[in-house]
Amino acid sequence: MINFDNGEIVFPGCSNAIFADMSIEKFKGLGIRIDKTKDLGNGYCWYSIRGEVEGFKIGMELCFYQNRLDTLHFHTRDAMDALNWDAWTEEREMEVYWRNNRFLSKIFHRKADKVRKTPYPQSRYLFSWGEVWSVYDPRSASSFMGISWL
């Protein structure tokens, strides 16, 4: 899924890569099924896609600013995940965080390079092109992963 040498992402069912600073036009040209689009009207536009990697169901959110890929977040999904606030608990969300970390360990064939427990749990994998991170953020009550390109 993530090329260790350059940080490009090949999403399941797609032969071309998602890469840093990619244009919206190139992204749309990949032929990936887009589940949801949200144009914020201020130059930011989010796209949501889904797939399966190494036995994990993955959701990915790509944020384009002024038509260029700016931010990429992703997460593992499971039928037991809370779908509303009535079902949400911090313990349940921490399970998502640990599942996200198992996913990253599996695709990278190693443990995280840096792990932090405070002020909130975070794991980081460092590369020459940037980093891949996993976090539980109590302020947003969510666990997710992301890619930060240099």
Protein backbone atom coordinates (compact mmCIF):
# COMPACT_ATOMS: atom_id res chain seq x y z
CA MET A 1 0.00 0.00 0.00
CA ILE A 2 2.67 2.57 1.00
CA ASN A 3 5.92 2.63 -0.96
CA PHE A 4 8.75 2.67 1.61
CA ASP A 5 11.10 4.51 -0.78
CA ASN A 6 8.95 7.52 -1.73
CA GLY A 7 5.73 7.54 0.34
CA GLU A 8 3.43 6.98 -2.62
CA ILE A 9 0.26 4.99 -1.96
CA VAL A 10 -1.14 2.36 -4.28
CA PHE A 11 -4.72 1.81 -3.22
CA PRO A 12 -6.34 -1.63 -3.76
CA GLY A 13 -7.70 -2.05 -7.26
CA CYS A 14 -5.64 0.86 -8.62
CA SER A 15 -2.45 0.58 -10.65
CA ASN A 16 -1.34 4.21 -10.22
CA ALA A 17 -0.20 5.89 -7.01
CA ILE A 18 -1.53 8.65 -4.78
CA PHE A 19 1.33 11.01 -3.97
CA ALA A 20 2.19 14.24 -2.16
CA ASP A 21 0.88 17.41 -3.84
CA MET A 22 -1.18 15.36 -6.34
CA SER A 23 -3.84 17.34 -8.25
CA ILE A 24 -7.54 16.60 -7.85
CA GLU A 25 -7.69 15.86 -11.58
CA LYS A 26 -4.99 13.16 -11.31
CA PHE A 27 -6.69 11.70 -8.24
CA LYS A 28 -10.06 11.51 -10.02
CA GLY A 29 -8.31 9.96 -13.02
CA LEU A 30 -7.16 6.98 -10.93
CA GLY A 31 -10.58 5.39 -11.24
CA ILE A 32 -10.94 4.79 -7.49
CA ARG A 33 -14.56 4.71 -6.32
CA ILE A 34 -15.16 7.86 -4.26
CA ASP A 35 -17.61 7.25 -1.40
CA LYS A 36 -18.09 10.86 -0.32
CA THR A 37 -17.03 14.36 -1.34
CA LYS A 38 -17.23 17.41 0.89
CA ASP A 39 -16.33 20.81 -0.58
CA LEU A 40 -15.92 23.27 2.28
CA GLY A 41 -16.17 26.28 -0.03
CA ASN A 42 -12.88 27.78 1.18
CA GLY A 43 -10.41 26.01 -1.10
CA TYR A 44 -10.53 22.76 0.91
CA CYS A 45 -12.24 19.68 -0.50
CA TRP A 46 -12.30 16.23 1.16
CA TYR A 47 -12.72 12.87 -0.59
CA SER A 48 -13.44 9.58 1.19
CA ILE A 49 -12.52 6.19 -0.27
CA ARG A 50 -12.55 2.61 1.05
CA GLY A 51 -10.66 -0.58 0.41
CA GLU A 52 -9.04 -3.61 1.98
CA VAL A 53 -5.31 -4.04 2.64
CA GLU A 54 -3.63 -7.07 4.25
CA GLY A 55 -6.99 -8.28 5.60
CA PHE A 56 -7.87 -4.89 7.16
CA LYS A 57 -10.81 -2.79 5.97
CA ILE A 58 -9.46 0.72 5.38
CA GLY A 59 -11.15 4.10 5.12
CA MET A 60 -9.11 6.96 3.69
CA GLU A 61 -9.81 10.69 3.70
CA LEU A 62 -7.88 12.91 1.30
CA CYS A 63 -7.95 16.68 1.72
CA PHE A 64 -7.13 18.86 -1.26
CA TYR A 65 -6.38 22.54 -0.82
CA GLN A 66 -6.61 24.69 -3.93
CA ASN A 67 -6.75 21.47 -6.01
CA ARG A 68 -3.55 19.90 -4.55
CA LEU A 69 -3.35 17.01 -2.06
CA ASP A 70 -2.64 18.61 1.31
CA THR A 71 -3.57 16.02 3.96
CA LEU A 72 -4.17 12.28 4.00
CA HIS A 73 -5.77 10.49 6.94
CA PHE A 74 -6.83 6.87 7.11
CA HIS A 75 -8.18 4.34 9.60
CA THR A 76 -9.04 0.68 9.96
CA ARG A 77 -12.71 -0.21 10.11
CA ASP A 78 -14.57 -2.99 11.87
CA ALA A 79 -18.23 -3.95 12.30
CA MET A 80 -17.84 -3.46 16.07
CA ASP A 81 -16.77 0.21 15.77
CA ALA A 82 -19.11 2.75 17.35
CA LEU A 83 -21.33 4.40 14.75
CA ASN A 84 -22.81 7.05 17.06
CA TRP A 85 -22.16 8.77 20.39
CA ASP A 86 -24.46 6.41 22.29
CA ALA A 87 -22.21 3.46 21.35
CA TRP A 88 -18.88 5.33 21.75
CA THR A 89 -16.58 4.75 24.72
CA GLU A 90 -12.95 5.70 25.18
CA GLU A 91 -12.07 2.03 25.74
CA ARG A 92 -13.69 1.12 22.44
CA GLU A 93 -11.85 3.94 20.65
CA MET A 94 -8.53 2.79 22.11
CA GLU A 95 -9.21 -0.60 20.50
CA VAL A 96 -9.34 1.24 17.16
CA TYR A 97 -6.00 2.89 17.99
CA TRP A 98 -4.40 -0.49 18.77
CA ARG A 99 -5.91 -2.04 15.61
CA ASN A 100 -4.51 0.84 13.55
CA ASN A 101 -1.09 0.16 15.08
CA ARG A 102 -1.34 -3.58 14.29
CA PHE A 103 -2.13 -2.63 10.70
CA LEU A 104 0.92 -0.36 10.41
CA SER A 105 3.20 -2.96 12.02
CA LYS A 106 1.94 -5.52 9.53
CA ILE A 107 2.44 -3.42 6.39
CA PHE A 108 5.83 -2.05 7.50
CA HIS A 109 7.06 -5.36 8.98
CA ARG A 110 8.36 -3.59 12.08
CA LYS A 111 7.36 -1.71 15.20
CA ALA A 112 7.02 2.07 15.32
CA ASP A 113 10.20 4.16 15.47
CA LYS A 114 8.76 6.47 18.12
CA VAL A 115 5.96 5.87 20.61
CA ARG A 116 4.52 8.48 22.95
CA LYS A 117 1.92 7.91 25.65
CA THR A 118 1.34 11.49 26.78
CA PRO A 119 -0.39 13.84 26.33
CA TYR A 120 -2.16 11.26 24.13
CA PRO A 121 -1.07 7.94 22.58
CA GLN A 122 0.85 8.27 19.33
CA SER A 123 3.09 5.99 17.21
CA ARG A 124 5.36 7.21 14.40
CA TYR A 125 7.17 5.46 11.55
CA LEU A 126 9.98 7.58 10.14
CA PHE A 127 11.16 7.56 6.51
CA SER A 128 13.44 9.70 4.35
CA TRP A 129 10.35 11.19 2.61
CA GLY A 130 8.32 11.90 5.78
CA GLU A 131 6.40 9.89 8.36
CA VAL A 132 3.34 7.74 8.92
CA TRP A 133 1.66 8.20 12.28
CA SER A 134 -1.15 6.76 14.36
CA VAL A 135 -2.87 8.65 17.16
CA TYR A 136 -5.76 8.54 19.59
CA ASP A 137 -6.99 12.11 19.98
CA PRO A 138 -9.28 12.52 23.01
CA ARG A 139 -10.22 16.05 21.87
CA SER A 140 -11.90 14.67 18.75
CA ALA A 141 -12.74 11.30 20.37
CA SER A 142 -11.17 9.48 17.43
CA SER A 143 -8.26 7.29 16.41
CA PHE A 144 -6.71 7.63 12.99
CA MET A 145 -3.50 7.44 10.99
CA GLY A 146 -1.92 9.91 8.62
CA ILE A 147 0.96 10.59 6.30
CA SER A 148 3.10 13.69 6.62
CA TRP A 149 5.33 14.21 3.58
CA LEU A 150 8.42 16.45 3.80
